[in-house]
Amino acid sequence: MARKNFSQVLAFINVVREGSFTRAAALLGVTPSALSHAISGLEAQVGVQLLTRTTRSISTTEAGERLFLNVSTRLEEIDAELGVVDALRDKPAGTVRITSAEHAANSVLWPKLSKVLGEYPDINVEITIDYTMADIVSQRYDAGVRLGNQVAKDMIAVRIGPDMRIAVVGSPAYLAKRPLPGTPSDLAQHNCINLRLPTHGGLLPWDFDKDGQQVKLRVSGQWVFNNSSSIVRAALAGHGLAFVPEDMVLEHIAEGRLIRMLNDWCDPYPGYHLYYPNRRQFSPALSVIVDALRYPE
């Protein structure tokens, strides 16, 4: 049915409910003559008379009564659902789906969101650990997390964490048998623990930056993992050198379980950003999530 017919049916329902063209017209904000014309058009469309009009009263025909009884109930259900949706505008609720790398989920999303979601029992958060740089629109995510320099320009990006640094670390037991590397090229002599990224179909290169001098290396070693936590665990066990975000190993470094190296080759880089499509409006639930994660500039 065309949109015009919906407005005609709505006009018909209101005339029957009010028992008057004048009162129904006032309710709908139109003139009585416009309302009469709309119902005449509906009758012409369906091919039967729906109302019996006299100078003193209005009544439904058999066809009109059947249409009113069936359609008015459904319109009430629609109106009730619209009322629920309108209430959600002021009451954050629903599921927010976020795609994120493991480190961002553990270091930013979990610590911040776990503190605020208790205040919003109607908000559900679904976090998917993914290194594939997912297309959040086609895969129906509400938002994603990436490093600041990886967010597409057509997305809205909100900083949710500070700038970051990489740490190259190894255990004292591992380094007792090998010299500390002085430059990135010395890593060729070491057993390096690699991270495989599905996005690239290969191993994550080890990027270094010192005073504007950038070095990208493909390192090798006996172990390859697809998550950073396993890499740290292998480094602690003495199986090689790890290349991981420094916050994952600062405690281990402070307590002597790991030794840091090539520190002067690890300049800061843009931290995590939450990003989402450039929509005019987004759900109140996502608004709560954005505010909770926002990093103070």
Protein backbone atom coordinates (compact mmCIF):
# COMPACT_ATOMS: atom_id res chain seq x y z
CA MET A 1 0.00 0.00 0.00
CA ALA A 2 1.29 3.46 -0.91
CA ARG A 3 2.17 5.97 1.83
CA LYS A 4 -0.84 8.08 0.74
CA ASN A 5 -3.17 5.16 1.57
CA PHE A 6 -1.72 4.91 5.08
CA SER A 7 -2.63 8.53 5.76
CA GLN A 8 -6.12 7.89 4.40
CA VAL A 9 -6.57 4.87 6.67
CA LEU A 10 -5.36 6.94 9.63
CA ALA A 11 -7.90 9.60 8.74
CA PHE A 12 -10.65 6.97 8.57
CA ILE A 13 -9.70 5.48 11.97
CA ASN A 14 -9.81 8.90 13.65
CA VAL A 15 -13.16 9.83 12.13
CA VAL A 16 -14.72 6.59 13.40
CA ARG A 17 -13.18 7.00 16.86
CA GLU A 18 -14.27 10.63 17.21
CA GLY A 19 -17.63 10.16 15.49
CA SER A 20 -17.12 13.53 13.87
CA PHE A 21 -15.20 14.96 10.94
CA THR A 22 -14.75 18.21 12.83
CA ARG A 23 -13.22 16.66 15.95
CA ALA A 24 -11.06 14.24 13.95
CA ALA A 25 -9.83 17.08 11.74
CA ALA A 26 -8.86 19.13 14.81
CA LEU A 27 -6.99 16.12 16.21
CA LEU A 28 -5.05 15.59 12.98
CA GLY A 29 -4.47 19.28 12.29
CA VAL A 30 -6.31 19.38 8.95
CA THR A 31 -9.57 20.86 7.72
CA PRO A 32 -12.83 18.85 7.77
CA SER A 33 -13.08 19.14 4.00
CA ALA A 34 -9.55 17.74 3.54
CA LEU A 35 -10.43 14.86 5.85
CA SER A 36 -13.63 14.14 3.92
CA HIS A 37 -11.67 14.17 0.66
CA ALA A 38 -9.11 11.71 2.11
CA ILE A 39 -11.80 9.22 3.10
CA SER A 40 -13.55 9.54 -0.25
CA GLY A 41 -10.21 8.75 -1.87
CA LEU A 42 -9.81 5.66 0.35
CA GLU A 43 -13.31 4.46 -0.56
CA ALA A 44 -12.50 4.92 -4.23
CA GLN A 45 -9.27 2.99 -3.77
CA VAL A 46 -10.86 -0.04 -2.06
CA GLY A 47 -14.01 0.12 -4.17
CA VAL A 48 -16.54 -0.01 -1.32
CA GLN A 49 -18.30 2.53 0.88
CA LEU A 50 -16.82 2.68 4.38
CA LEU A 51 -18.91 5.41 6.05
CA THR A 52 -22.56 6.35 5.93
CA ARG A 53 -22.85 10.11 6.29
CA THR A 54 -25.90 12.15 7.21
CA THR A 55 -26.17 15.76 8.23
CA ARG A 56 -26.44 14.64 11.85
CA SER A 57 -24.33 11.48 12.22
CA ILE A 58 -21.61 9.22 10.86
CA SER A 59 -21.68 5.43 10.99
CA THR A 60 -19.63 2.63 9.51
CA THR A 61 -20.83 0.28 6.83
CA GLU A 62 -20.18 -3.45 7.22
CA ALA A 63 -16.94 -3.09 5.27
CA GLY A 64 -16.02 0.01 7.25
CA GLU A 65 -16.64 -1.75 10.57
CA ARG A 66 -14.46 -4.68 9.51
CA LEU A 67 -11.64 -2.35 8.43
CA PHE A 68 -11.86 -0.34 11.65
CA LEU A 69 -11.84 -3.36 13.97
CA ASN A 70 -8.86 -4.98 12.26
CA VAL A 71 -6.71 -1.97 11.49
CA SER A 72 -7.25 0.13 14.61
CA THR A 73 -5.90 -2.64 16.85
CA ARG A 74 -2.76 -2.90 14.75
CA LEU A 75 -2.28 0.84 14.78
CA GLU A 76 -2.51 0.78 18.57
CA GLU A 77 0.24 -1.88 18.65
CA ILE A 78 2.41 0.25 16.37
CA ASP A 79 1.75 3.29 18.52
CA ALA A 80 2.75 1.34 21.64
CA GLU A 81 6.01 0.21 20.01
CA LEU A 82 6.79 3.76 18.95
CA GLY A 83 6.23 4.78 22.55
CA VAL A 84 8.79 2.22 23.70
CA VAL A 85 11.29 3.46 21.12
CA ASP A 86 10.67 7.04 22.22
CA ALA A 87 11.31 6.05 25.84
CA LEU A 88 14.64 4.50 24.85
CA ARG A 89 15.74 7.92 23.66
CA ASP A 90 16.04 8.97 27.29
CA LYS A 91 16.84 5.56 28.78
CA PRO A 92 20.02 4.02 27.36
CA ALA A 93 19.36 0.39 26.50
CA GLY A 94 20.28 -2.26 23.97
CA THR A 95 23.38 -4.10 22.80
CA VAL A 96 26.56 -2.32 21.69
CA ARG A 97 28.86 -4.50 19.56
CA ILE A 98 32.56 -3.54 19.46
CA THR A 99 35.42 -5.13 17.55
CA SER A 100 38.86 -4.76 19.11
CA ALA A 101 42.32 -6.24 19.36
CA GLU A 102 43.01 -8.20 22.54
CA HIS A 103 45.35 -5.63 24.07
CA ALA A 104 42.90 -2.75 23.63
CA ALA A 105 40.09 -4.85 25.09
CA ASN A 106 42.14 -5.77 28.15
CA SER A 107 43.88 -2.45 28.76
CA VAL A 108 41.11 0.03 27.90
CA LEU A 109 37.66 -1.41 27.23
CA TRP A 110 37.39 -3.75 30.19
CA PRO A 111 38.83 -1.44 32.89
CA LYS A 112 36.68 1.53 31.88
CA LEU A 113 33.41 -0.15 30.94
CA SER A 114 33.35 -2.48 33.94
CA LYS A 115 33.21 0.60 36.18
CA VAL A 116 30.18 2.22 34.53
CA LEU A 117 27.95 -0.56 33.18
CA GLY A 118 26.63 -1.30 36.65
CA GLU A 119 24.81 2.03 36.42
CA TYR A 120 23.12 0.99 33.14
CA PRO A 121 21.60 -2.49 33.60
CA ASP A 122 19.77 -2.26 30.26
CA ILE A 123 22.98 -1.85 28.23
CA ASN A 124 24.72 -4.99 26.99
CA VAL A 125 28.25 -4.87 25.55
CA GLU A 126 29.58 -7.49 23.16
CA ILE A 127 33.33 -7.30 22.49
CA THR A 128 34.81 -9.39 19.69
CA ILE A 129 38.58 -9.89 19.67
CA ASP A 130 39.67 -9.49 16.07
CA TYR A 131 42.91 -8.47 14.34
CA THR A 132 41.42 -8.34 10.84
CA MET A 133 40.64 -4.60 10.70
CA ALA A 134 36.96 -5.48 10.29
CA ASP A 135 34.57 -3.33 8.26
CA ILE A 136 32.27 -2.36 11.10
CA VAL A 137 29.46 -1.25 8.77
CA SER A 138 29.19 -4.43 6.70
CA GLN A 139 29.73 -6.65 9.75
CA ARG A 140 27.15 -4.71 11.77
CA TYR A 141 29.38 -3.56 14.60
CA ASP A 142 28.43 -0.37 16.39
CA ALA A 143 32.06 0.64 16.87
CA GLY A 144 35.63 -0.54 16.59
CA VAL A 145 38.97 0.15 18.25
CA ARG A 146 42.16 0.90 16.33
CA LEU A 147 45.35 2.87 16.78
CA GLY A 148 44.90 6.53 15.92
CA ASN A 149 46.81 6.33 12.65
CA GLN A 150 44.72 3.36 11.44
CA VAL A 151 41.23 4.90 11.58
CA ALA A 152 39.63 5.59 8.19
CA LYS A 153 38.98 9.26 7.49
CA ASP A 154 35.25 8.73 6.88
CA MET A 155 34.80 7.56 10.48
CA ILE A 156 34.31 9.55 13.67
CA ALA A 157 37.25 8.80 15.97
CA VAL A 158 37.39 9.37 19.74
CA ARG A 159 40.67 8.96 21.61
CA ILE A 160 40.25 6.42 24.41
CA GLY A 161 43.85 5.94 25.53
CA PRO A 162 47.22 7.71 25.79
CA ASP A 163 50.02 7.48 23.27
CA MET A 164 51.75 4.12 23.42
CA ARG A 165 55.23 2.63 23.18
CA ILE A 166 56.50 -0.78 22.23
CA ALA A 167 58.91 -2.69 24.47
CA VAL A 168 61.41 -5.30 23.33
CA VAL A 169 62.02 -7.66 26.23
CA GLY A 170 63.62 -10.99 27.10
CA SER A 171 64.10 -13.01 30.25
CA PRO A 172 67.40 -12.97 32.21
CA ALA A 173 67.77 -16.70 31.51
CA TYR A 174 67.47 -16.19 27.75
CA LEU A 175 69.83 -13.18 27.71
CA ALA A 176 72.42 -14.94 29.88
CA LYS A 177 73.44 -16.89 26.77
CA ARG A 178 73.26 -14.02 24.25
CA PRO A 179 74.43 -10.38 24.09
CA LEU A 180 71.88 -7.59 24.35
CA PRO A 181 71.05 -6.18 20.90
CA GLY A 182 72.39 -2.64 20.45
CA THR A 183 70.51 -1.86 17.24
CA PRO A 184 67.48 -3.40 15.51
CA SER A 185 69.76 -5.19 13.02
CA ASP A 186 71.23 -7.21 15.92
CA LEU A 187 67.86 -8.95 16.29
CA ALA A 188 68.87 -11.22 13.41
CA GLN A 189 71.02 -13.09 15.94
CA HIS A 190 68.09 -13.66 18.31
CA ASN A 191 65.13 -15.98 18.66
CA CYS A 192 62.22 -13.55 18.21
CA ILE A 193 58.65 -14.46 19.13
CA ASN A 194 56.30 -13.45 16.32
CA LEU A 195 52.69 -12.31 16.14
CA ARG A 196 50.62 -13.45 13.18
CA LEU A 197 47.97 -11.00 11.97
CA PRO A 198 45.11 -12.33 9.84
CA THR A 199 44.84 -8.88 8.25
CA HIS A 200 48.20 -9.21 6.53
CA GLY A 201 48.20 -12.96 6.16
CA GLY A 202 51.69 -12.96 7.63
CA LEU A 203 53.77 -11.93 10.61
CA LEU A 204 53.70 -8.50 12.20
CA PRO A 205 56.87 -6.59 11.28
CA TRP A 206 58.86 -5.07 14.12
CA ASP A 207 58.83 -1.29 13.57
CA PHE A 208 61.43 0.97 15.17
CA ASP A 209 61.86 4.73 15.14
CA LYS A 210 64.77 6.75 16.49
CA ASP A 211 65.20 10.48 15.82
CA GLY A 212 63.20 10.18 12.62
CA GLN A 213 65.08 7.10 11.42
CA GLN A 214 62.56 4.35 10.78
CA VAL A 215 63.39 0.67 10.55
CA LYS A 216 60.97 -2.14 9.68
CA LEU A 217 62.19 -5.68 10.26
CA ARG A 218 60.94 -9.18 9.55
CA VAL A 219 62.30 -11.21 12.44
CA SER A 220 62.36 -14.96 12.89
CA GLY A 221 62.13 -17.44 15.73
CA GLN A 222 60.73 -20.75 16.90
CA TRP A 223 57.41 -19.43 18.22
CA VAL A 224 54.48 -17.69 16.50
CA PHE A 225 51.25 -16.71 18.27
CA ASN A 226 48.12 -14.82 17.28
CA ASN A 227 47.81 -12.89 20.56
CA SER A 228 50.14 -10.80 22.69
CA SER A 229 49.43 -12.52 26.00
CA SER A 230 50.92 -15.77 24.75
CA ILE A 231 53.99 -13.88 23.47
CA VAL A 232 54.62 -12.40 26.93
CA ARG A 233 54.20 -15.82 28.51
CA ALA A 234 56.75 -17.33 26.11
CA ALA A 235 59.23 -14.51 26.80
CA LEU A 236 58.89 -15.03 30.55
CA ALA A 237 59.62 -18.72 30.02
CA GLY A 238 62.88 -17.85 28.24
CA HIS A 239 61.89 -18.80 24.69
CA GLY A 240 62.99 -15.57 23.03
CA LEU A 241 62.46 -11.83 22.67
CA ALA A 242 59.03 -10.24 22.67
CA PHE A 243 57.82 -7.11 20.87
CA VAL A 244 54.72 -5.98 22.78
CA PRO A 245 53.00 -2.85 24.15
CA GLU A 246 55.04 -1.71 27.14
CA ASP A 247 52.15 -1.65 29.61
CA MET A 248 51.92 -5.43 29.28
CA VAL A 249 55.44 -5.93 30.65
CA LEU A 250 56.24 -2.92 32.88
CA GLU A 251 55.53 -4.90 36.04
CA HIS A 252 57.68 -7.80 34.85
CA ILE A 253 60.51 -5.36 34.04
CA ALA A 254 60.24 -3.67 37.44
CA GLU A 255 60.44 -7.02 39.24
CA GLY A 256 63.35 -8.30 37.13
CA ARG A 257 61.50 -11.07 35.32
CA LEU A 258 62.12 -9.37 31.96
CA ILE A 259 64.89 -7.09 30.69
CA ARG A 260 64.13 -4.25 28.31
CA MET A 261 66.34 -3.40 25.33
CA LEU A 262 66.40 -1.04 22.30
CA ASN A 263 64.47 1.45 24.41
CA ASP A 264 65.83 4.43 22.48
CA TRP A 265 64.47 2.91 19.25
CA CYS A 266 60.89 2.76 20.55
CA ASP A 267 59.32 6.21 20.11
CA PRO A 268 55.69 6.82 21.14
CA TYR A 269 52.89 6.34 18.61
CA PRO A 270 49.18 7.30 18.60
CA GLY A 271 47.13 5.34 21.11
CA TYR A 272 43.76 3.63 20.80
CA HIS A 273 40.73 5.35 19.33
CA LEU A 274 37.11 4.24 19.30
CA TYR A 275 35.59 4.82 15.87
CA TYR A 276 32.09 4.59 14.44
CA PRO A 277 30.24 5.65 11.25
CA ASN A 278 29.46 9.28 10.64
CA ARG A 279 25.77 9.12 11.46
CA ARG A 280 23.58 12.04 12.43
CA GLN A 281 22.32 10.13 15.44
CA PHE A 282 23.48 7.09 17.30
CA SER A 283 21.88 5.18 20.10
CA PRO A 284 21.86 6.47 23.68
CA ALA A 285 23.60 3.22 24.66
CA LEU A 286 26.54 3.93 22.32
CA SER A 287 26.65 7.48 23.64
CA VAL A 288 27.15 6.11 27.17
CA ILE A 289 29.96 3.85 25.91
CA VAL A 290 31.71 6.71 24.10
CA ASP A 291 31.55 8.98 27.15
CA ALA A 292 32.85 6.22 29.43
CA LEU A 293 35.82 5.46 27.18
CA ARG A 294 36.77 9.01 26.19
CA TYR A 295 40.37 9.82 27.13
CA PRO A 296 40.88 13.25 28.73
CA GLU A 297 42.97 15.38 26.40
